[in-house]
Amino acid sequence: MKSKRTSIVDKLAAKYKKELAQAQQQEYKNDLKLASSYETDLWLFQKWAYRVGRGWYGFSLGNIPHVWRFILDDFLNWIEKQQPDFEIHQVKMKFYQLRLYLGTRTDLLIPDK
């Protein structure tokens, strides 16, 4: 019998299941208390600024539920354990989807083949 492996996305979805369900039901754009996206961007950038590559944008999230801030933070912590030399190029919302553009600091040292 094969063992079922759980991905990091499945683990995060299970961990934040209740908060994600609440976020789906609430309208964040109309609630100023919940729509403080600047705070979300600032909090993530302050914590992960040392990982943003030189000349890259960092975080540009717009109006997202606060639960995504914690999910992104957990995901970036997981990546840091898997790939210690990773860098953040850009994390943004595009077409209602979260997009992460990541690389490694050694990518620039390896020529393309």
Protein backbone atom coordinates (compact mmCIF):
# COMPACT_ATOMS: atom_id res chain seq x y z
CA MET A 1 0.00 0.00 0.00
CA LYS A 2 1.34 3.40 -0.99
CA SER A 3 1.66 6.11 1.62
CA LYS A 4 -0.12 9.32 0.78
CA ARG A 5 2.29 12.24 0.69
CA THR A 6 0.95 15.63 1.58
CA SER A 7 2.30 18.69 -0.21
CA ILE A 8 3.01 21.99 1.49
CA VAL A 9 -0.05 23.50 -0.20
CA ASP A 10 -2.28 20.77 1.25
CA LYS A 11 -0.75 21.27 4.69
CA LEU A 12 -1.29 25.04 4.59
CA ALA A 13 -4.86 24.60 3.31
CA ALA A 14 -5.60 22.25 6.19
CA LYS A 15 -3.93 24.52 8.75
CA TYR A 16 -5.87 27.62 7.65
CA LYS A 17 -9.09 25.89 6.56
CA LYS A 18 -11.33 27.82 8.94
CA GLU A 19 -9.79 31.22 8.15
CA LEU A 20 -9.92 30.59 4.40
CA ALA A 21 -13.61 29.70 4.62
CA GLN A 22 -14.28 32.91 6.54
CA ALA A 23 -12.31 34.94 3.99
CA GLN A 24 -14.41 33.51 1.14
CA GLN A 25 -17.63 34.62 2.81
CA GLN A 26 -16.55 38.18 3.64
CA GLU A 27 -16.18 41.14 1.31
CA TYR A 28 -12.76 42.62 2.03
CA LYS A 29 -12.93 45.57 -0.34
CA ASN A 30 -15.85 47.16 1.54
CA ASP A 31 -14.52 46.63 5.05
CA LEU A 32 -11.72 49.07 5.90
CA LYS A 33 -10.69 47.02 8.92
CA LEU A 34 -10.11 43.94 6.76
CA ALA A 35 -8.84 45.68 3.64
CA SER A 36 -5.60 47.10 5.04
CA SER A 37 -3.48 45.71 2.23
CA TYR A 38 -0.76 48.29 2.84
CA GLU A 39 -0.23 46.80 6.28
CA THR A 40 -0.01 43.33 4.74
CA ASP A 41 2.55 44.44 2.15
CA LEU A 42 4.56 46.35 4.73
CA TRP A 43 4.57 43.50 7.25
CA LEU A 44 5.72 40.95 4.67
CA PHE A 45 8.30 43.29 3.16
CA GLN A 46 9.77 44.17 6.54
CA LYS A 47 10.10 40.53 7.46
CA TRP A 48 11.41 39.31 4.09
CA ALA A 49 13.30 42.41 2.80
CA TYR A 50 16.64 40.63 3.09
CA ARG A 51 15.35 38.04 0.59
CA VAL A 52 14.16 40.53 -2.07
CA GLY A 53 16.72 40.55 -4.86
CA ARG A 54 18.39 43.78 -5.90
CA GLY A 55 16.32 45.54 -8.55
CA TRP A 56 13.21 43.42 -7.94
CA TYR A 57 9.80 44.60 -6.74
CA GLY A 58 9.13 42.50 -3.66
CA PHE A 59 5.50 42.51 -2.56
CA SER A 60 2.54 44.08 -4.34
CA LEU A 61 -0.54 42.32 -3.08
CA GLY A 62 -3.42 44.80 -3.10
CA ASN A 63 -6.61 43.84 -1.29
CA ILE A 64 -6.16 40.34 0.04
CA PRO A 65 -7.58 38.66 3.13
CA HIS A 66 -5.24 38.76 6.13
CA VAL A 67 -5.11 34.96 6.22
CA TRP A 68 -3.04 35.07 3.02
CA ARG A 69 -0.36 37.03 4.85
CA PHE A 70 0.11 34.13 7.25
CA ILE A 71 -0.06 31.53 4.48
CA LEU A 72 2.59 33.39 2.48
CA ASP A 73 4.78 33.73 5.54
CA ASP A 74 4.54 30.00 6.30
CA PHE A 75 5.20 29.15 2.65
CA LEU A 76 8.28 31.40 2.50
CA ASN A 77 9.57 29.85 5.74
CA TRP A 78 9.15 26.41 4.16
CA ILE A 79 11.00 27.51 1.01
CA GLU A 80 13.80 28.95 3.13
CA LYS A 81 14.30 25.54 4.74
CA GLN A 82 14.27 23.79 1.35
CA GLN A 83 16.43 26.28 -0.57
CA PRO A 84 18.57 28.46 1.75
CA ASP A 85 19.82 30.75 -1.02
CA PHE A 86 16.44 31.65 -2.56
CA GLU A 87 15.46 35.22 -3.29
CA ILE A 88 12.10 36.87 -3.85
CA HIS A 89 11.66 38.64 -7.14
CA GLN A 90 8.00 39.53 -6.93
CA VAL A 91 4.86 38.46 -5.09
CA LYS A 92 1.68 39.96 -6.54
CA MET A 93 -1.96 39.49 -7.41
CA LYS A 94 -2.66 39.16 -11.12
CA PHE A 95 -5.98 38.13 -12.67
CA TYR A 96 -7.31 37.23 -9.20
CA GLN A 97 -4.46 34.78 -8.61
CA LEU A 98 -1.47 34.99 -6.34
CA ARG A 99 1.78 34.93 -8.32
CA LEU A 100 5.18 34.25 -6.82
CA TYR A 101 8.34 34.85 -8.79
CA LEU A 102 11.30 33.35 -6.96
CA GLY A 103 14.87 32.53 -7.87
CA THR A 104 18.18 31.72 -6.27
CA ARG A 105 21.09 34.04 -5.71
CA THR A 106 23.33 31.71 -7.69
CA ASP A 107 21.06 31.90 -10.79
CA LEU A 108 22.94 34.98 -11.94
CA LEU A 109 26.29 33.21 -11.72
CA ILE A 110 25.30 30.25 -13.91
CA PRO A 111 25.26 31.03 -17.66
CA ASP A 112 22.33 29.83 -19.75
CA LYS A 113 22.99 26.77 -21.90
